[in-house]
Amino acid sequence: MEDVFGWELLQVGAWGTARELLAGSRARRQSLVSLPAFAGGADILARPSQLPVISDCIDAALLPHTLEFAADPYAILREVDRVLVGEGQLLVLGFHPWSLWGMRARWSRAGFPPGMRRVLSQRLLREWLVLLGYEVILEQRYLYLGPWSRGLSSGEGTGRMLRAGLTYPLPAGAYLLKARKRIYTATPIRPRLREKSAAIGGLVKPTTRAQP
C-alpha cells in the first residue's frame, strides 16, 4: 500500500480486524464497503456488485478475498471498474487453489474460511483483468503458513507470513495482484481527400490514346 496514492481509496469487503488493511494507505480518504452481516467498522453498507458510488471517482480499490465469497465475482470486478478513475489501481487478494488453504476450502462443506464459495486461480483473475483493460503491474505470493497453524491467531504468526517464504517447504497459500486501469485514447484518422475526376461537363475527358 506504500505506493498507492490519491484522494479516495475504497476497500470492498471486510477482512481481518476492523480497518487494519487500510492502515498503510497514503490515500487522503479511506472508505470500507461491507455487507450488513460483516459491518464491523464499515463506512458504507452495500452489496459489492451494487456500489452506491458515482462513476470514475475512486483512485484505488482493494478487494481482500471479496471475489471468493461472491456468487458472481466478475460482476464485482465490473462494478469496481465503473467507479475507478483512469489509471486507478486495483489490488486483489486471493487463495491459491492448489495450496493447503485452497484444498481445505474445497474440502470443507461450509467453505474455509466459512462462507467461501470458490477459489479463483491467479491465472483466471489475470485474464479477467486484462479483458477489462487492466495492466497487471505486480504479482506477489504470501501466506507461508498452513491453515491449521497456531501462529495465525497471534501477531507473531502474521508477521511471518511474508518472511517465511525462503524456508517454508510448501507453496504460498495466497497471492496479491496489483493492476492499473489503462485508458487508451483513440488516435483520430484524417479522412482521405477524394480524388477529382477528370471530367468536362459531367462527361469523362477523352484520352489521346488511339482506340483499337
C-alpha atoms as a PDB file:
ATOM      1  CA  MET A   1       0.000   0.000   0.000  1.00  0.00           C
ATOM      2  CA  GLU A   2       3.009   2.316   0.272  1.00  0.00           C
ATOM      3  CA  ASP A   3       2.837   3.405  -3.378  1.00  0.00           C
ATOM      4  CA  VAL A   4      -0.958   3.686  -3.563  1.00  0.00           C
ATOM      5  CA  PHE A   5      -1.697   7.399  -3.658  1.00  0.00           C
ATOM      6  CA  GLY A   6      -4.753   9.516  -4.429  1.00  0.00           C
ATOM      7  CA  TRP A   7      -7.743  11.123  -2.792  1.00  0.00           C
ATOM      8  CA  GLU A   8     -10.082   8.147  -2.451  1.00  0.00           C
ATOM      9  CA  LEU A   9      -9.305   4.528  -1.551  1.00  0.00           C
ATOM     10  CA  LEU A  10     -12.175   2.054  -1.380  1.00  0.00           C
ATOM     11  CA  GLN A  11     -11.974  -1.337   0.296  1.00  0.00           C
ATOM     12  CA  VAL A  12     -14.774  -3.573  -0.952  1.00  0.00           C
ATOM     13  CA  GLY A  13     -15.423  -6.342   1.536  1.00  0.00           C
ATOM     14  CA  ALA A  14     -14.477  -6.642   5.215  1.00  0.00           C
ATOM     15  CA  TRP A  15     -11.493  -8.792   6.140  1.00  0.00           C
ATOM     16  CA  GLY A  16      -9.461  -9.115   9.292  1.00  0.00           C
ATOM     17  CA  THR A  17      -9.862  -6.807  12.252  1.00  0.00           C
ATOM     18  CA  ALA A  18     -11.668  -3.536  11.598  1.00  0.00           C
ATOM     19  CA  ARG A  19      -9.611  -1.403   9.165  1.00  0.00           C
ATOM     20  CA  GLU A  20      -6.162  -2.949   9.538  1.00  0.00           C
ATOM     21  CA  LEU A  21      -5.680  -3.410   5.783  1.00  0.00           C
ATOM     22  CA  LEU A  22      -6.190   0.314   5.208  1.00  0.00           C
ATOM     23  CA  ALA A  23      -3.632   1.368   7.802  1.00  0.00           C
ATOM     24  CA  GLY A  24      -0.715   1.516   5.369  1.00  0.00           C
ATOM     25  CA  SER A  25      -2.511   3.524   2.710  1.00  0.00           C
ATOM     26  CA  ARG A  26      -1.344   7.028   1.764  1.00  0.00           C
ATOM     27  CA  ALA A  27      -4.653   8.000   0.224  1.00  0.00           C
ATOM     28  CA  ARG A  28      -6.292  11.079   1.712  1.00  0.00           C
ATOM     29  CA  ARG A  29      -9.510   9.234   2.490  1.00  0.00           C
ATOM     30  CA  GLN A  30     -10.210   5.529   3.050  1.00  0.00           C
ATOM     31  CA  SER A  31     -13.689   4.003   2.958  1.00  0.00           C
ATOM     32  CA  LEU A  32     -14.812   0.457   3.726  1.00  0.00           C
ATOM     33  CA  VAL A  33     -17.827  -1.085   1.977  1.00  0.00           C
ATOM     34  CA  SER A  34     -19.306  -4.186   3.549  1.00  0.00           C
ATOM     35  CA  LEU A  35     -22.440  -6.271   3.743  1.00  0.00           C
ATOM     36  CA  PRO A  36     -24.574  -5.747   6.878  1.00  0.00           C
ATOM     37  CA  ALA A  37     -23.526  -9.166   8.183  1.00  0.00           C
ATOM     38  CA  PHE A  38     -19.881  -8.035   8.252  1.00  0.00           C
ATOM     39  CA  ALA A  39     -20.438  -4.414   9.192  1.00  0.00           C
ATOM     40  CA  GLY A  40     -17.692  -4.030  11.782  1.00  0.00           C
ATOM     41  CA  GLY A  41     -16.030  -0.674  11.118  1.00  0.00           C
ATOM     42  CA  ALA A  42     -17.718  -0.227   7.725  1.00  0.00           C
ATOM     43  CA  ASP A  43     -18.447   3.216   6.313  1.00  0.00           C
ATOM     44  CA  ILE A  44     -20.961   2.018   3.696  1.00  0.00           C
ATOM     45  CA  LEU A  45     -23.358  -0.928   3.876  1.00  0.00           C
ATOM     46  CA  ALA A  46     -23.994  -2.246   0.373  1.00  0.00           C
ATOM     47  CA  ARG A  47     -23.587  -5.173  -1.961  1.00  0.00           C
ATOM     48  CA  PRO A  48     -20.174  -5.299  -3.655  1.00  0.00           C
ATOM     49  CA  SER A  49     -21.877  -5.707  -7.033  1.00  0.00           C
ATOM     50  CA  GLN A  50     -24.049  -2.597  -6.485  1.00  0.00           C
ATOM     51  CA  LEU A  51     -21.835   0.110  -5.042  1.00  0.00           C
ATOM     52  CA  PRO A  52     -23.596   3.384  -4.116  1.00  0.00           C
ATOM     53  CA  VAL A  53     -20.669   5.320  -5.561  1.00  0.00           C
ATOM     54  CA  ILE A  54     -20.627   7.579  -8.602  1.00  0.00           C
ATOM     55  CA  SER A  55     -18.573   6.515 -11.592  1.00  0.00           C
ATOM     56  CA  ASP A  56     -14.929   7.491 -12.102  1.00  0.00           C
ATOM     57  CA  CYS A  57     -14.261   8.871  -8.618  1.00  0.00           C
ATOM     58  CA  ILE A  58     -12.092   6.273  -6.818  1.00  0.00           C
ATOM     59  CA  ASP A  59      -8.294   6.349  -7.148  1.00  0.00           C
ATOM     60  CA  ALA A  60      -7.643   2.869  -5.752  1.00  0.00           C
ATOM     61  CA  ALA A  61      -9.702  -0.167  -4.752  1.00  0.00           C
ATOM     62  CA  LEU A  62      -8.838  -3.124  -2.540  1.00  0.00           C
ATOM     63  CA  LEU A  63     -10.635  -6.492  -2.773  1.00  0.00           C
ATOM     64  CA  PRO A  64      -9.460  -8.715   0.124  1.00  0.00           C
ATOM     65  CA  HIS A  65     -10.787 -12.160  -0.886  1.00  0.00           C
ATOM     66  CA  THR A  66     -14.071 -10.459  -1.769  1.00  0.00           C
ATOM     67  CA  LEU A  67     -14.451 -12.282  -5.090  1.00  0.00           C
ATOM     68  CA  GLU A  68     -14.177 -15.700  -3.464  1.00  0.00           C
ATOM     69  CA  PHE A  69     -17.274 -15.094  -1.333  1.00  0.00           C
ATOM     70  CA  ALA A  70     -19.419 -13.749  -4.197  1.00  0.00           C
ATOM     71  CA  ALA A  71     -21.947 -15.586  -6.352  1.00  0.00           C
ATOM     72  CA  ASP A  72     -20.835 -13.565  -9.395  1.00  0.00           C
ATOM     73  CA  PRO A  73     -17.234 -12.393  -8.908  1.00  0.00           C
ATOM     74  CA  TYR A  74     -16.927 -10.950 -12.412  1.00  0.00           C
ATOM     75  CA  ALA A  75     -19.888  -8.646 -11.750  1.00  0.00           C
ATOM     76  CA  ILE A  76     -17.997  -7.200  -8.781  1.00  0.00           C
ATOM     77  CA  LEU A  77     -14.941  -6.565 -10.953  1.00  0.00           C
ATOM     78  CA  ARG A  78     -17.075  -4.712 -13.482  1.00  0.00           C
ATOM     79  CA  GLU A  79     -18.678  -2.621 -10.749  1.00  0.00           C
ATOM     80  CA  VAL A  80     -15.290  -1.712  -9.280  1.00  0.00           C
ATOM     81  CA  ASP A  81     -14.088  -0.866 -12.776  1.00  0.00           C
ATOM     82  CA  ARG A  82     -17.013   1.547 -13.079  1.00  0.00           C
ATOM     83  CA  VAL A  83     -16.045   3.579 -10.021  1.00  0.00           C
ATOM     84  CA  LEU A  84     -12.282   3.599 -10.650  1.00  0.00           C
ATOM     85  CA  VAL A  85     -10.736   6.565 -12.414  1.00  0.00           C
ATOM     86  CA  GLY A  86      -8.460   6.157 -15.402  1.00  0.00           C
ATOM     87  CA  GLU A  87      -5.003   4.950 -14.319  1.00  0.00           C
ATOM     88  CA  GLY A  88      -6.505   3.961 -10.958  1.00  0.00           C
ATOM     89  CA  GLN A  89      -5.078   0.963  -9.102  1.00  0.00           C
ATOM     90  CA  LEU A  90      -6.837  -2.264  -8.175  1.00  0.00           C
ATOM     91  CA  LEU A  91      -5.469  -4.677  -5.567  1.00  0.00           C
ATOM     92  CA  VAL A  92      -6.959  -8.159  -5.268  1.00  0.00           C
ATOM     93  CA  LEU A  93      -6.126 -10.834  -2.681  1.00  0.00           C
ATOM     94  CA  GLY A  94      -6.935 -14.484  -3.279  1.00  0.00           C
ATOM     95  CA  PHE A  95      -6.076 -18.016  -2.197  1.00  0.00           C
ATOM     96  CA  HIS A  96      -4.112 -20.368  -4.433  1.00  0.00           C
ATOM     97  CA  PRO A  97      -6.364 -23.280  -5.477  1.00  0.00           C
ATOM     98  CA  TRP A  98      -3.629 -25.922  -5.059  1.00  0.00           C
ATOM     99  CA  SER A  99      -2.245 -24.665  -1.766  1.00  0.00           C
ATOM    100  CA  LEU A 100      -3.219 -26.107   1.596  1.00  0.00           C
ATOM    101  CA  TRP A 101      -5.613 -23.180   2.008  1.00  0.00           C
ATOM    102  CA  GLY A 102      -7.258 -23.803  -1.340  1.00  0.00           C
ATOM    103  CA  MET A 103      -7.607 -27.538  -0.756  1.00  0.00           C
ATOM    104  CA  ARG A 104      -9.118 -27.059   2.668  1.00  0.00           C
ATOM    105  CA  ALA A 105     -11.589 -24.557   1.211  1.00  0.00           C
ATOM    106  CA  ARG A 106     -12.725 -27.118  -1.387  1.00  0.00           C
ATOM    107  CA  TRP A 107     -12.950 -29.986   1.064  1.00  0.00           C
ATOM    108  CA  SER A 108     -14.966 -28.075   3.656  1.00  0.00           C
ATOM    109  CA  ARG A 109     -18.738 -28.088   3.198  1.00  0.00           C
ATOM    110  CA  ALA A 110     -19.125 -24.638   4.701  1.00  0.00           C
ATOM    111  CA  GLY A 111     -16.030 -23.326   2.963  1.00  0.00           C
ATOM    112  CA  PHE A 112     -12.866 -22.179   4.629  1.00  0.00           C
ATOM    113  CA  PRO A 113     -12.924 -19.508   5.808  1.00  0.00           C
ATOM    114  CA  PRO A 114     -16.657 -20.080   6.398  1.00  0.00           C
ATOM    115  CA  GLY A 115     -18.845 -18.752   3.622  1.00  0.00           C
ATOM    116  CA  MET A 116     -16.277 -19.006   0.829  1.00  0.00           C
ATOM    117  CA  ARG A 117     -17.949 -20.093  -2.411  1.00  0.00           C
ATOM    118  CA  ARG A 118     -14.968 -20.791  -4.685  1.00  0.00           C
ATOM    119  CA  VAL A 119     -11.224 -20.415  -5.053  1.00  0.00           C
ATOM    120  CA  LEU A 120     -10.144 -18.337  -8.058  1.00  0.00           C
ATOM    121  CA  SER A 121      -6.812 -19.071  -9.660  1.00  0.00           C
ATOM    122  CA  GLN A 122      -4.277 -16.335 -10.206  1.00  0.00           C
ATOM    123  CA  ARG A 123      -4.305 -17.043 -13.941  1.00  0.00           C
ATOM    124  CA  LEU A 124      -8.092 -16.702 -14.256  1.00  0.00           C
ATOM    125  CA  LEU A 125      -8.121 -13.440 -12.336  1.00  0.00           C
ATOM    126  CA  ARG A 126      -5.331 -12.060 -14.525  1.00  0.00           C
ATOM    127  CA  GLU A 127      -7.313 -12.945 -17.653  1.00  0.00           C
ATOM    128  CA  TRP A 128     -10.394 -11.141 -16.301  1.00  0.00           C
ATOM    129  CA  LEU A 129      -8.375  -8.023 -15.552  1.00  0.00           C
ATOM    130  CA  VAL A 130      -6.790  -7.974 -18.997  1.00  0.00           C
ATOM    131  CA  LEU A 131     -10.228  -8.427 -20.538  1.00  0.00           C
ATOM    132  CA  LEU A 132     -11.423  -5.328 -18.667  1.00  0.00           C
ATOM    133  CA  GLY A 133      -8.462  -3.317 -19.955  1.00  0.00           C
ATOM    134  CA  TYR A 134      -6.129  -3.516 -16.947  1.00  0.00           C
ATOM    135  CA  GLU A 135      -2.374  -3.918 -16.899  1.00  0.00           C
ATOM    136  CA  VAL A 136      -1.107  -6.216 -14.146  1.00  0.00           C
ATOM    137  CA  ILE A 137       1.885  -4.416 -12.633  1.00  0.00           C
ATOM    138  CA  LEU A 138       2.636  -6.666  -9.644  1.00  0.00           C
ATOM    139  CA  GLU A 139       2.104 -10.306  -8.708  1.00  0.00           C
ATOM    140  CA  GLN A 140       3.219 -11.367  -5.252  1.00  0.00           C
ATOM    141  CA  ARG A 141       2.732 -14.536  -3.235  1.00  0.00           C
ATOM    142  CA  TYR A 142       2.349 -14.604   0.521  1.00  0.00           C
ATOM    143  CA  LEU A 143       0.804 -16.524   3.436  1.00  0.00           C
ATOM    144  CA  TYR A 144       3.522 -19.064   4.168  1.00  0.00           C
ATOM    145  CA  LEU A 145       1.592 -20.674   6.989  1.00  0.00           C
ATOM    146  CA  GLY A 146      -0.732 -23.640   6.950  1.00  0.00           C
ATOM    147  CA  PRO A 147      -4.470 -23.225   7.618  1.00  0.00           C
ATOM    148  CA  TRP A 148      -4.063 -25.214  10.842  1.00  0.00           C
ATOM    149  CA  SER A 149      -1.127 -23.164  12.135  1.00  0.00           C
ATOM    150  CA  ARG A 150      -1.433 -21.772  15.648  1.00  0.00           C
ATOM    151  CA  GLY A 151       0.524 -18.689  14.587  1.00  0.00           C
ATOM    152  CA  LEU A 152      -2.471 -17.312  12.714  1.00  0.00           C
ATOM    153  CA  SER A 153      -4.061 -16.180  15.948  1.00  0.00           C
ATOM    154  CA  SER A 154      -1.047 -14.157  17.056  1.00  0.00           C
ATOM    155  CA  GLY A 155       0.777 -11.129  15.754  1.00  0.00           C
ATOM    156  CA  GLU A 156       3.972 -13.155  15.501  1.00  0.00           C
ATOM    157  CA  GLY A 157       2.393 -15.580  13.039  1.00  0.00           C
ATOM    158  CA  THR A 158       1.011 -12.752  10.931  1.00  0.00           C
ATOM    159  CA  GLY A 159       4.445 -11.168  10.710  1.00  0.00           C
ATOM    160  CA  ARG A 160       5.947 -14.437   9.435  1.00  0.00           C
ATOM    161  CA  MET A 161       3.543 -14.749   6.514  1.00  0.00           C
ATOM    162  CA  LEU A 162       5.915 -12.962   4.124  1.00  0.00           C
ATOM    163  CA  ARG A 163       9.285 -13.677   5.724  1.00  0.00           C
ATOM    164  CA  ALA A 164       8.862 -17.456   5.781  1.00  0.00           C
ATOM    165  CA  GLY A 165       8.964 -17.744   2.006  1.00  0.00           C
ATOM    166  CA  LEU A 166      12.596 -18.888   1.936  1.00  0.00           C
ATOM    167  CA  THR A 167      12.126 -21.660   4.493  1.00  0.00           C
ATOM    168  CA  TYR A 168       8.528 -22.789   4.048  1.00  0.00           C
ATOM    169  CA  PRO A 169       8.599 -26.061   2.051  1.00  0.00           C
ATOM    170  CA  LEU A 170       5.111 -25.776   0.511  1.00  0.00           C
ATOM    171  CA  PRO A 171       3.692 -23.252  -1.992  1.00  0.00           C
ATOM    172  CA  ALA A 172       2.336 -19.951  -0.726  1.00  0.00           C
ATOM    173  CA  GLY A 173      -1.264 -20.019   0.379  1.00  0.00           C
ATOM    174  CA  ALA A 174      -2.335 -16.729  -1.195  1.00  0.00           C
ATOM    175  CA  TYR A 175      -1.449 -14.162  -3.832  1.00  0.00           C
ATOM    176  CA  LEU A 176      -1.722 -10.445  -4.459  1.00  0.00           C
ATOM    177  CA  LEU A 177      -2.439  -8.941  -7.877  1.00  0.00           C
ATOM    178  CA  LYS A 178      -1.999  -5.219  -8.384  1.00  0.00           C
ATOM    179  CA  ALA A 179      -3.313  -3.815 -11.654  1.00  0.00           C
ATOM    180  CA  ARG A 180      -3.702  -0.390 -13.223  1.00  0.00           C
ATOM    181  CA  LYS A 181      -6.722   0.727 -15.208  1.00  0.00           C
ATOM    182  CA  ARG A 182      -5.466   1.826 -18.579  1.00  0.00           C
ATOM    183  CA  ILE A 183      -7.210   4.429 -20.711  1.00  0.00           C
ATOM    184  CA  TYR A 184      -6.255   4.218 -24.344  1.00  0.00           C
ATOM    185  CA  THR A 185      -7.072   7.363 -26.280  1.00  0.00           C
ATOM    186  CA  ALA A 186      -8.123   6.859 -29.856  1.00  0.00           C
ATOM    187  CA  THR A 187      -5.875   8.471 -32.467  1.00  0.00           C
ATOM    188  CA  PRO A 188      -8.043  10.448 -34.876  1.00  0.00           C
ATOM    189  CA  ILE A 189      -7.653   9.418 -38.503  1.00  0.00           C
ATOM    190  CA  ARG A 190      -7.895  12.223 -41.000  1.00  0.00           C
ATOM    191  CA  PRO A 191     -10.264  11.416 -43.873  1.00  0.00           C
ATOM    192  CA  ARG A 192      -8.653  10.898 -47.227  1.00  0.00           C
ATOM    193  CA  LEU A 193      -9.332  13.566 -49.812  1.00  0.00           C
ATOM    194  CA  ARG A 194     -11.400  12.305 -52.682  1.00  0.00           C
ATOM    195  CA  GLU A 195      -9.584  12.399 -55.957  1.00  0.00           C
ATOM    196  CA  LYS A 196     -11.063  14.749 -58.501  1.00  0.00           C
ATOM    197  CA  SER A 197     -12.274  13.024 -61.614  1.00  0.00           C
ATOM    198  CA  ALA A 198     -11.056  14.384 -64.919  1.00  0.00           C
ATOM    199  CA  ALA A 199     -14.462  15.258 -66.336  1.00  0.00           C
ATOM    200  CA  ILE A 200     -15.836  18.036 -68.539  1.00  0.00           C
ATOM    201  CA  GLY A 201     -19.490  18.887 -68.148  1.00  0.00           C
ATOM    202  CA  GLY A 202     -20.148  15.669 -66.307  1.00  0.00           C
ATOM    203  CA  LEU A 203     -18.534  13.570 -69.035  1.00  0.00           C
ATOM    204  CA  VAL A 204     -15.218  11.822 -68.707  1.00  0.00           C
ATOM    205  CA  LYS A 205     -12.477  13.648 -70.558  1.00  0.00           C
ATOM    206  CA  PRO A 206     -11.343  11.515 -73.530  1.00  0.00           C
ATOM    207  CA  THR A 207      -7.770  10.433 -73.734  1.00  0.00           C
ATOM    208  CA  THR A 208      -5.489  10.965 -76.684  1.00  0.00           C
ATOM    209  CA  ARG A 209      -4.565   7.299 -76.856  1.00  0.00           C
ATOM    210  CA  ALA A 210      -5.807   5.648 -80.027  1.00  0.00           C
ATOM    211  CA  GLN A 211      -8.616   3.196 -79.529  1.00  0.00           C
ATOM    212  CA  PRO A 212      -8.259  -0.294 -81.029  1.00  0.00           C
END
